[in-house]
């Protein structure tokens, strides 16, 4: 749970203050998601949607945020 909280805080901080570093933060979060180290993924959706829909962020960060949000909304059947 602490890794999830840290990831959320880092994502919020990067989205607000470090728009160029946001892509790195999203990549780290994606890796943690792949390793199933994050819980409560729905908590990230509002922020990911905000990033994906805001033209002030780099295209790569917007695309990555949109892909992550889509993955959270439609998880693969296991």
Foldseek 3Di string as FASTA:
>chain_A
DVVQVVLVVVLVCCVVPNLVCNLVSLVVVVVCVVVVVHPPLVVCQVVLCVLLPDPVHDNNNNVSSVVSNVCVVDPDDD
